[in-house]
Structure formats: structure tokens, C-alpha cells
């Protein structure tokens, strides 16, 4: 049943309140380490735990209460009001997490928002850790063959300039700024109309493509599509509840665009393994050495270890778990698309980009789109526009899942073993 005009206007007002209330909650910015922390760490010979200091906006303290007030206004049992309440709840948890910086409670709230390595997928069995360990096994086999690392020959300034040109073409008619930043832990972070590049970082051509695809074609696209919604612009804000789906979309897009490679997959995998280590008590130095042993440079190892412990405890036991979302989201988004395509509903694919959503929101978004309440997305990555390609790709992937993988594996392992064996001649 279409929403009545009065109800729609009320929920539009609530949506705007959520959009305004979330502005102080800049999670990654609050968890950032200042540049002197890294400099001091290396100056002391990389033998002492770093000493980060966090600065959280005073407005954060009242954010949890503000979202509780907004949620109490939304009493209906329909799907739209459920989405609004769940968005408020995830923002409340985020505010409490920021209020618990440097404590073990920080880790508990982080797990509520993002999950953890032991979190299970929809099948109730597959874990993020299991997928990471699978990738780790495969990647290690290739590393043993001494595959040459790609050359990181592009400076941050050069990358920022070129990325700005590429995003300018993709987002024709909308200005996207690309600027340097020395406070971020990742090599790049996307906002609504700005992408921040880590000052001093170096990049390869493949890194540049990954930034274009991951940050631009997904994160910036869903932000702009969401903010242009006529009734619910908060869909461009990205409540923490949407993180897994958003990162999963970005990683899936890297795969389908040819931007993914083993170095990138190694970083994603190692971070989950490191989060598991931290949960079991490994401190920053343990994590730093772990990343070094896995082929990361000293700077990369520091940055990766920082991603794991930022906001939590550098002495172990309380990591920041957001990085489990990448592979977890990849698995969930891939399976959703596989089922959607094989069920003959390719029209649901663009719905993933109307704003920053969770997969559970798709039924609601489909109804609101049909009722004209939500607008279709303006910006889509290439794979989401090419439905014939996606249908062919996913229908074949779905059939593969129905084959007897155990028997298939034995058959082809025999071929591989024979191919790898030394030929004996008389």
C-alpha cells in the first residue's frame, strides 16, 4: 500500500533529523592517528608500542541520546520505519563506541557494528576467518613462486590529479575533489564529493584503478545517489549498519572490473587474520611483525597494524573490527546477486546503488521505487549497467555451485599432479 502524504512527510522529516544528527559521528576521522605517532615509532626502532591520542568531538557525547529520541518517534511496524529505527540504533552504537575509545568496550561495540572474524554468513557455517584462511593458503602458494610485486611508481600528487580526471568523467556534471591528507590510515577515503589521498603514499597503476573503482564508482556513487533522493537524503550518509554491504559492493566491483589482484587480496586477508590475532591478545608489535613477515614494507606494516588497533588497545585484546566487512560483504553481495539473477529479477541489481543500503533493505527499496518515493540511481558502475553480462556470469556461477565439487576436485587434482610430476624416461 502506498504511503499516505502525511505519513511520507513525517518520515521525510525524521530522515532529515537523522541526516543532521549523524554529522558529528565521523568514525574514521575520530580514530585517526596523528603523523608524529608513526614518526616516533620508527625513531624508537619499531620496538615500543605506539602512543596514539584521540580527539573526539564534544557533540559525540550527546549523539546516542539524540538518536534514541529520534527512534522513539518512529513507532510504526512497516519496513520503512524499521529501516529508520535500525539506522538510529546503529548510530547509537557508533556513538557509544567512540565514547569507549581505548577500552575493551570499544571492541565490543565494534563487533556489534561490523562483526568479527568468527562471525558466520547466512548459511550459519561459513565464517569471515575461514574465507580469509582460504585466500591466505592460495596466495601463499603463489608467493612461494616469487611473483614480482607491482611497481609503486606513482606519487600521491600524481595519483590525486589523475584520479580527479577519471572521476570527473564518470561523474559528469558533478564536481568531485581529490585532495591530499596526512591523517588517514588508508591510502584513500571517500566522502560525498571529495576523495582524500594519503599524503606521501606511493601507488602503482593497479592501485590507481582500484581507487577509481572502489572509492569512486561505489562509495562516492552511492553517496551522491542517496543524497539526491527527494524524500530520504539520509540514504547518502551511510549508517554503520550498511558498512558490510557497501564494502562488499566495492570489492565485488574490483573483481568484476579487473582491478583486484593478489597484493590487494593479501592486504584484505591479512587484516582479518590480524584482527583474530589481536582478539587473542597480540599487541601492535606482534601485528607489525606479522605484516612484515607477509611481505609488507615497514610503512605498510605500520599502517595495516594501525588499522587493526586504532580506537582499541595497542597492547592487544580489543581491535577495531571494521576490516572484516570487506570479505564478509563480498560473500554476501555475490550470493545475493547470484540468487537474484537466477530467480529472474535482474531489475533489483541497480537498487543496490540508490543510496547506502543493507541487503535487507532491498524489498523496501523495490516497493518505494515502484511507488515513486525513491528515485533510481543516477550513477552506476559498468557491471551494474550491463545486465546481460551479469546474467551470464552469475547464472554460470550458480550452476557451478550445484556440481559435485568433491568429485570434480579429485578429478582435476589428478590431472594437476600428473602435469607437475617429473617425466620418467628409459
Protein backbone atom coordinates (compact mmCIF):
# COMPACT_ATOMS: atom_id res chain seq x y z
CA UNK A 1 0.00 0.00 0.00
CA UNK A 2 1.45 3.42 -0.98
CA UNK A 3 2.38 5.73 1.86
CA UNK A 4 -0.12 8.46 2.70
CA UNK A 5 1.09 12.00 2.06
CA UNK A 6 1.02 12.90 5.77
CA UNK A 7 2.99 9.78 6.72
CA UNK A 8 5.53 10.39 3.97
CA UNK A 9 6.03 13.97 5.11
CA UNK A 10 6.54 12.85 8.72
CA UNK A 11 9.09 10.20 7.75
CA UNK A 12 10.83 12.70 5.46
CA UNK A 13 11.22 14.99 8.49
CA UNK A 14 12.62 12.11 10.56
CA UNK A 15 15.00 11.26 7.73
CA UNK A 16 16.31 14.82 7.76
CA UNK A 17 16.76 14.68 11.54
CA UNK A 18 18.84 11.51 11.17
CA UNK A 19 20.90 13.15 8.44
CA UNK A 20 21.68 16.14 10.67
CA UNK A 21 22.27 14.12 13.84
CA UNK A 22 24.88 11.86 12.24
CA UNK A 23 27.18 14.69 11.16
CA UNK A 24 29.35 14.69 14.34
CA UNK A 25 29.89 10.92 14.08
CA UNK A 26 32.93 10.80 11.83
CA UNK A 27 34.19 7.42 12.94
CA UNK A 28 37.34 7.03 10.86
CA UNK A 29 38.33 10.63 11.44
CA UNK A 30 37.94 10.18 15.21
CA UNK A 31 40.13 7.06 15.12
CA UNK A 32 42.91 8.65 13.06
CA UNK A 33 46.46 8.72 14.43
CA UNK A 34 48.44 11.90 14.05
CA UNK A 35 51.57 11.71 11.89
CA UNK A 36 54.03 12.04 14.83
CA UNK A 37 52.86 8.65 16.17
CA UNK A 38 54.40 6.84 13.19
CA UNK A 39 57.50 9.03 13.20
CA UNK A 40 58.11 8.36 16.90
CA UNK A 41 57.50 4.64 16.46
CA UNK A 42 60.24 4.30 13.85
CA UNK A 43 62.53 6.72 15.68
CA UNK A 44 62.46 4.32 18.65
CA UNK A 45 63.49 1.47 16.37
CA UNK A 46 59.99 -0.02 15.98
CA UNK A 47 60.46 -1.74 19.34
CA UNK A 48 57.95 0.11 21.54
CA UNK A 49 54.18 0.28 21.41
CA UNK A 50 52.87 3.45 19.73
CA UNK A 51 51.11 6.05 21.84
CA UNK A 52 48.11 7.42 19.92
CA UNK A 53 45.97 10.23 21.31
CA UNK A 54 42.37 10.55 20.17
CA UNK A 55 40.30 13.68 19.82
CA UNK A 56 36.53 13.13 19.69
CA UNK A 57 34.06 15.95 19.07
CA UNK A 58 32.17 17.06 22.19
CA UNK A 59 29.00 16.66 20.16
CA UNK A 60 29.60 12.90 20.11
CA UNK A 61 28.74 12.62 23.80
CA UNK A 62 25.12 13.58 23.21
CA UNK A 63 24.70 11.77 19.90
CA UNK A 64 23.50 8.46 21.38
CA UNK A 65 20.74 10.24 23.29
CA UNK A 66 19.77 12.25 20.24
CA UNK A 67 19.32 9.14 18.13
CA UNK A 68 17.33 7.48 20.90
CA UNK A 69 14.95 10.46 20.83
CA UNK A 70 14.55 10.22 17.06
CA UNK A 71 13.96 6.45 17.20
CA UNK A 72 11.16 6.90 19.77
CA UNK A 73 9.24 9.00 17.24
CA UNK A 74 9.16 6.12 14.77
CA UNK A 75 6.65 3.65 16.21
CA UNK A 76 5.20 2.02 13.11
CA UNK A 77 5.83 -1.61 12.18
CA UNK A 78 6.28 -1.09 8.44
CA UNK A 79 9.59 -1.72 6.69
CA UNK A 80 10.43 1.93 6.17
CA UNK A 81 10.11 2.77 9.83
CA UNK A 82 12.13 -0.35 10.66
CA UNK A 83 14.94 0.96 8.47
CA UNK A 84 14.82 4.35 10.20
CA UNK A 85 14.89 2.76 13.66
CA UNK A 86 17.73 0.41 12.77
CA UNK A 87 19.69 3.33 11.35
CA UNK A 88 19.24 5.20 14.61
CA UNK A 89 20.27 2.13 16.60
CA UNK A 90 23.47 1.65 14.60
CA UNK A 91 24.36 5.32 15.07
CA UNK A 92 23.76 4.95 18.82
CA UNK A 93 26.19 2.03 18.94
CA UNK A 94 28.72 4.06 16.94
CA UNK A 95 28.45 6.93 19.42
CA UNK A 96 28.93 4.57 22.37
CA UNK A 97 31.91 3.01 20.60
CA UNK A 98 33.56 6.41 20.20
CA UNK A 99 32.83 7.11 23.84
CA UNK A 100 34.76 3.95 24.77
CA UNK A 101 37.99 4.71 22.90
CA UNK A 102 41.00 2.87 24.26
CA UNK A 103 38.96 0.34 26.24
CA UNK A 104 37.76 -3.22 25.75
CA UNK A 105 34.21 -1.91 25.46
CA UNK A 106 35.32 -0.25 22.22
CA UNK A 107 35.90 -3.70 20.76
CA UNK A 108 32.51 -4.94 21.98
CA UNK A 109 30.68 -2.09 20.26
CA UNK A 110 32.83 -2.55 17.14
CA UNK A 111 31.72 -6.20 16.95
CA UNK A 112 28.07 -5.13 17.23
CA UNK A 113 28.51 -2.81 14.25
CA UNK A 114 30.80 -4.76 11.95
CA UNK A 115 31.05 -8.34 13.18
CA UNK A 116 34.30 -10.17 13.86
CA UNK A 117 36.45 -12.87 12.20
CA UNK A 118 34.32 -15.63 13.73
CA UNK A 119 31.01 -14.11 12.52
CA UNK A 120 29.07 -16.50 10.28
CA UNK A 121 27.47 -15.92 6.89
CA UNK A 122 23.83 -16.57 6.04
CA UNK A 123 24.45 -20.31 5.79
CA UNK A 124 25.18 -20.36 9.54
CA UNK A 125 28.54 -22.07 8.93
CA UNK A 126 30.95 -20.04 6.80
CA UNK A 127 33.00 -17.51 8.75
CA UNK A 128 34.97 -14.45 7.70
CA UNK A 129 38.05 -16.13 9.15
CA UNK A 130 37.53 -19.28 7.04
CA UNK A 131 37.35 -17.23 3.85
CA UNK A 132 40.48 -15.29 4.86
CA UNK A 133 42.33 -18.53 5.61
CA UNK A 134 41.29 -19.94 2.23
CA UNK A 135 42.65 -16.90 0.41
CA UNK A 136 45.78 -16.98 2.57
CA UNK A 137 46.52 -20.57 1.51
CA UNK A 138 46.14 -19.79 -2.19
CA UNK A 139 48.08 -16.53 -2.03
CA UNK A 140 50.94 -18.18 -0.13
CA UNK A 141 51.32 -20.78 -2.89
CA UNK A 142 51.83 -18.01 -5.42
CA UNK A 143 54.14 -16.05 -3.10
CA UNK A 144 56.38 -19.11 -2.89
CA UNK A 145 56.81 -18.90 -6.65
CA UNK A 146 58.29 -15.42 -6.08
CA UNK A 147 55.86 -13.49 -8.20
CA UNK A 148 57.28 -9.96 -8.70
CA UNK A 149 55.49 -7.21 -6.80
CA UNK A 150 53.95 -4.47 -8.89
CA UNK A 151 55.98 -1.28 -9.05
CA UNK A 152 54.59 1.59 -6.96
CA UNK A 153 55.96 4.41 -9.08
CA UNK A 154 53.18 7.00 -8.80
CA UNK A 155 53.29 9.66 -6.12
CA UNK A 156 50.24 10.82 -4.18
CA UNK A 157 50.12 14.15 -6.03
CA UNK A 158 50.18 12.45 -9.42
CA UNK A 159 47.51 9.97 -8.35
CA UNK A 160 45.27 12.72 -6.99
CA UNK A 161 45.49 14.62 -10.27
CA UNK A 162 44.78 11.58 -12.47
CA UNK A 163 42.04 10.26 -10.19
CA UNK A 164 40.37 13.67 -10.32
CA UNK A 165 40.31 13.48 -14.12
CA UNK A 166 38.85 9.97 -14.16
CA UNK A 167 36.15 10.72 -11.60
CA UNK A 168 35.32 13.92 -13.45
CA UNK A 169 34.48 11.81 -16.50
CA UNK A 170 32.46 9.25 -14.52
CA UNK A 171 30.50 11.85 -12.55
CA UNK A 172 29.84 14.16 -15.48
CA UNK A 173 28.04 17.26 -14.26
CA UNK A 174 29.15 16.84 -10.64
CA UNK A 175 32.43 18.17 -9.31
CA UNK A 176 34.48 15.64 -7.34
CA UNK A 177 37.51 16.95 -5.45
CA UNK A 178 40.56 14.78 -4.85
CA UNK A 179 42.87 16.14 -2.16
CA UNK A 180 45.88 15.03 -0.13
CA UNK A 181 45.54 14.21 3.57
CA UNK A 182 48.18 13.10 6.09
CA UNK A 183 45.76 11.95 8.83
CA UNK A 184 44.09 8.92 7.23
CA UNK A 185 45.18 5.31 7.84
CA UNK A 186 44.03 4.01 4.46
CA UNK A 187 45.59 5.13 1.20
CA UNK A 188 42.28 6.76 0.29
CA UNK A 189 38.96 7.62 1.92
CA UNK A 190 35.84 8.76 0.03
CA UNK A 191 33.32 11.34 1.15
CA UNK A 192 30.31 12.85 -0.59
CA UNK A 193 32.15 14.90 -3.17
CA UNK A 194 35.75 14.52 -2.07
CA UNK A 195 38.26 11.67 -2.12
CA UNK A 196 41.20 12.07 0.25
CA UNK A 197 44.53 10.55 -0.78
CA UNK A 198 47.18 9.76 1.83
CA UNK A 199 49.98 12.27 1.51
CA UNK A 200 53.37 10.64 0.93
CA UNK A 201 51.94 7.29 -0.19
CA UNK A 202 53.08 5.69 -3.44
CA UNK A 203 50.87 3.82 -5.88
CA UNK A 204 51.02 1.50 -8.86
CA UNK A 205 48.80 1.76 -11.94
CA UNK A 206 46.70 -1.07 -10.49
CA UNK A 207 46.36 0.83 -7.19
CA UNK A 208 45.08 3.83 -9.13
CA UNK A 209 42.49 1.68 -10.89
CA UNK A 210 41.39 0.22 -7.54
CA UNK A 211 40.91 3.70 -6.10
CA UNK A 212 38.88 4.77 -9.12
CA UNK A 213 36.63 1.72 -8.90
CA UNK A 214 36.34 1.22 -5.13
CA UNK A 215 36.16 4.79 -3.86
CA UNK A 216 34.65 6.46 -6.91
CA UNK A 217 32.34 4.06 -8.71
CA UNK A 218 30.89 2.67 -5.48
CA UNK A 219 31.39 4.80 -2.37
CA UNK A 220 31.06 8.22 -3.98
CA UNK A 221 28.33 6.94 -6.31
CA UNK A 222 26.10 5.60 -3.52
CA UNK A 223 26.67 8.78 -1.52
CA UNK A 224 25.59 11.05 -4.36
CA UNK A 225 22.69 8.81 -5.39
CA UNK A 226 21.48 8.72 -1.79
CA UNK A 227 21.80 12.44 -1.17
CA UNK A 228 19.80 13.19 -4.31
CA UNK A 229 16.81 11.21 -3.05
CA UNK A 230 13.81 13.56 -2.90
CA UNK A 231 12.43 12.25 0.40
CA UNK A 232 15.22 10.35 2.17
CA UNK A 233 18.58 12.09 1.65
CA UNK A 234 19.94 10.34 4.76
CA UNK A 235 20.47 7.35 2.42
CA UNK A 236 23.60 9.16 1.30
CA UNK A 237 25.03 9.29 4.82
CA UNK A 238 25.78 5.61 5.30
CA UNK A 239 24.58 4.44 8.70
CA UNK A 240 27.06 1.94 10.17
CA UNK A 241 24.54 -0.85 9.57
CA UNK A 242 25.23 -0.51 5.83
CA UNK A 243 29.03 -0.89 6.00
CA UNK A 244 29.22 -4.59 5.17
CA UNK A 245 27.05 -4.26 2.07
CA UNK A 246 28.85 -1.11 0.91
CA UNK A 247 32.32 -2.61 1.24
CA UNK A 248 31.10 -5.85 -0.31
CA UNK A 249 29.81 -3.92 -3.33
CA UNK A 250 33.14 -2.14 -3.65
CA UNK A 251 35.19 -5.35 -3.53
CA UNK A 252 32.82 -7.13 -5.93
CA UNK A 253 33.23 -4.19 -8.31
CA UNK A 254 37.02 -4.50 -8.06
CA UNK A 255 36.74 -8.16 -9.06
CA UNK A 256 34.37 -7.62 -12.00
CA UNK A 257 36.35 -4.65 -13.32
CA UNK A 258 39.69 -6.47 -13.28
CA UNK A 259 41.08 -4.16 -10.59
CA UNK A 260 41.61 -6.91 -8.00
CA UNK A 261 44.97 -8.67 -7.76
CA UNK A 262 46.87 -10.80 -5.25
CA UNK A 263 48.55 -7.89 -3.48
CA UNK A 264 45.18 -6.28 -2.81
CA UNK A 265 43.64 -9.59 -1.77
CA UNK A 266 46.63 -10.24 0.52
CA UNK A 267 46.00 -6.96 2.36
CA UNK A 268 42.31 -7.72 2.85
CA UNK A 269 43.08 -11.24 4.03
CA UNK A 270 45.94 -10.28 6.36
CA UNK A 271 43.81 -7.69 8.11
CA UNK A 272 41.22 -10.28 9.10
CA UNK A 273 43.93 -12.66 10.29
CA UNK A 274 45.46 -9.79 12.28
CA UNK A 275 42.12 -8.89 13.88
CA UNK A 276 41.83 -12.50 15.01
CA UNK A 277 45.36 -12.31 16.44
CA UNK A 278 44.53 -9.10 18.29
CA UNK A 279 41.36 -10.59 19.75
CA UNK A 280 43.55 -13.39 21.10
CA UNK A 281 45.92 -10.92 22.74
CA UNK A 282 48.52 -9.96 20.12
CA UNK A 283 49.75 -6.39 20.61
CA UNK A 284 50.70 -3.81 17.98
CA UNK A 285 54.28 -5.06 17.74
CA UNK A 286 53.09 -8.63 17.13
CA UNK A 287 50.83 -7.38 14.35
CA UNK A 288 53.55 -5.20 12.87
CA UNK A 289 55.90 -8.20 12.66
CA UNK A 290 53.11 -10.35 11.21
CA UNK A 291 52.60 -7.92 8.34
CA UNK A 292 56.34 -7.69 7.74
CA UNK A 293 56.56 -11.48 7.53
CA UNK A 294 53.79 -11.44 4.93
CA UNK A 295 55.77 -9.24 2.60
CA UNK A 296 54.52 -5.77 3.51
CA UNK A 297 57.02 -2.91 3.69
CA UNK A 298 57.72 -1.27 7.06
CA UNK A 299 55.38 1.62 6.26
CA UNK A 300 52.67 -0.71 5.00
CA UNK A 301 53.06 -2.97 8.05
CA UNK A 302 52.68 0.00 10.38
CA UNK A 303 49.59 1.25 8.54
CA UNK A 304 47.97 -2.19 8.48
CA UNK A 305 48.65 -2.79 12.18
CA UNK A 306 47.28 0.67 12.93
CA UNK A 307 44.06 -0.13 11.07
CA UNK A 308 43.56 -3.12 13.35
CA UNK A 309 44.17 -1.49 16.73
CA UNK A 310 43.01 2.10 16.10
CA UNK A 311 40.49 3.11 18.71
CA UNK A 312 41.06 -0.04 20.73
CA UNK A 313 44.04 -1.32 22.69
CA UNK A 314 47.54 -1.21 21.24
CA UNK A 315 48.53 -3.81 23.85
CA UNK A 316 46.07 -6.35 22.42
CA UNK A 317 42.66 -7.81 23.08
CA UNK A 318 40.44 -5.04 21.71
CA UNK A 319 40.80 -4.43 17.94
CA UNK A 320 38.69 -2.34 15.59
CA UNK A 321 36.85 -4.95 13.50
CA UNK A 322 35.62 -2.93 10.51
CA UNK A 323 38.04 -4.65 8.13
CA UNK A 324 36.14 -7.95 8.38
CA UNK A 325 33.40 -6.23 6.35
CA UNK A 326 35.30 -6.42 3.07
CA UNK A 327 35.35 -10.19 2.57
CA UNK A 328 32.13 -10.71 4.54
CA UNK A 329 30.38 -8.20 2.30
CA UNK A 330 31.91 -9.69 -0.84
CA UNK A 331 30.46 -13.09 0.05
CA UNK A 332 27.02 -11.69 0.86
CA UNK A 333 26.77 -9.40 -2.17
CA UNK A 334 27.99 -12.13 -4.55
CA UNK A 335 25.45 -14.63 -3.23
CA UNK A 336 22.65 -12.07 -3.34
CA UNK A 337 23.41 -11.28 -6.97
CA UNK A 338 23.70 -14.94 -7.87
CA UNK A 339 20.26 -15.73 -6.41
CA UNK A 340 18.69 -12.53 -7.75
CA UNK A 341 19.82 -13.28 -11.31
CA UNK A 342 18.86 -16.96 -11.31
CA UNK A 343 15.41 -16.05 -9.94
CA UNK A 344 14.89 -13.72 -12.90
CA UNK A 345 14.99 -10.41 -11.01
CA UNK A 346 17.87 -8.55 -12.62
CA UNK A 347 15.87 -5.34 -12.14
CA UNK A 348 16.85 -5.43 -8.46
CA UNK A 349 20.56 -5.01 -9.24
CA UNK A 350 20.54 -1.19 -9.69
CA UNK A 351 18.64 -0.86 -6.41
CA UNK A 352 21.89 -1.60 -4.58
CA UNK A 353 23.07 1.87 -5.64
CA UNK A 354 20.10 4.12 -4.81
CA UNK A 355 21.98 5.04 -1.64
CA UNK A 356 23.94 3.43 1.15
CA UNK A 357 21.82 0.38 1.97
CA UNK A 358 21.96 -3.00 3.62
CA UNK A 359 20.91 -6.01 1.55
CA UNK A 360 17.90 -6.48 3.85
CA UNK A 361 16.57 -3.13 2.62
CA UNK A 362 16.11 -4.26 -0.99
CA UNK A 363 12.42 -5.36 -0.64
CA UNK A 364 11.55 -1.97 0.86
CA UNK A 365 13.52 -0.06 -1.78
CA UNK A 366 11.83 -2.03 -4.57
CA UNK A 367 8.37 -1.05 -3.27
CA UNK A 368 9.33 2.60 -2.73
CA UNK A 369 10.80 2.79 -6.24
CA UNK A 370 7.57 1.41 -7.73
CA UNK A 371 5.59 3.98 -5.72
CA UNK A 372 7.81 6.82 -6.91
CA UNK A 373 9.05 7.62 -3.41
CA UNK A 374 12.66 6.67 -4.19
CA UNK A 375 14.40 7.71 -7.40
CA UNK A 376 16.51 5.30 -9.47
CA UNK A 377 20.27 5.74 -9.15
CA UNK A 378 21.99 8.15 -11.49
CA UNK A 379 25.50 6.73 -11.12
CA UNK A 380 26.21 3.02 -11.59
CA UNK A 381 29.42 1.05 -12.13
CA UNK A 382 29.66 -0.64 -15.51
CA UNK A 383 28.78 -4.14 -14.31
CA UNK A 384 25.51 -2.92 -12.76
CA UNK A 385 24.51 -1.37 -16.08
CA UNK A 386 25.46 -4.41 -18.16
CA UNK A 387 22.69 -6.78 -17.10
CA UNK A 388 23.30 -9.28 -19.96
CA UNK A 389 26.92 -9.72 -18.81
CA UNK A 390 25.92 -10.06 -15.16
CA UNK A 391 23.18 -12.56 -16.00
CA UNK A 392 25.57 -14.74 -18.00
CA UNK A 393 28.29 -14.53 -15.35
CA UNK A 394 26.07 -15.22 -12.34
CA UNK A 395 23.98 -17.95 -13.96
CA UNK A 396 27.17 -19.90 -14.72
CA UNK A 397 28.45 -19.30 -11.16
CA UNK A 398 25.14 -20.59 -9.80
CA UNK A 399 25.40 -23.79 -11.87
CA UNK A 400 28.94 -24.41 -10.64
CA UNK A 401 27.65 -24.39 -7.07
CA UNK A 402 25.33 -27.27 -7.96
CA UNK A 403 28.09 -29.56 -9.20
CA UNK A 404 29.73 -32.23 -7.04
CA UNK A 405 32.77 -30.20 -6.04
CA UNK A 406 34.41 -33.09 -4.18
CA UNK A 407 34.39 -35.38 -7.22
CA UNK A 408 35.40 -32.53 -9.54
CA UNK A 409 38.30 -31.63 -7.25
CA UNK A 410 39.63 -35.19 -7.16
CA UNK A 411 39.47 -35.46 -10.95
CA UNK A 412 41.34 -32.22 -11.65
CA UNK A 413 43.82 -32.67 -8.82
CA UNK A 414 44.85 -35.90 -10.53
CA UNK A 415 45.45 -34.02 -13.79
CA UNK A 416 47.47 -31.33 -12.00
CA UNK A 417 49.57 -33.88 -10.11
CA UNK A 418 50.37 -35.71 -13.35
CA UNK A 419 51.27 -32.43 -15.03
CA UNK A 420 53.55 -31.43 -12.15
CA UNK A 421 55.28 -34.84 -11.89
CA UNK A 422 58.71 -35.37 -13.39
CA UNK A 423 58.57 -37.45 -16.56
CA UNK A 424 60.49 -40.70 -16.28
CA UNK A 425 62.05 -41.98 -19.47
CA UNK A 426 64.06 -45.11 -20.05
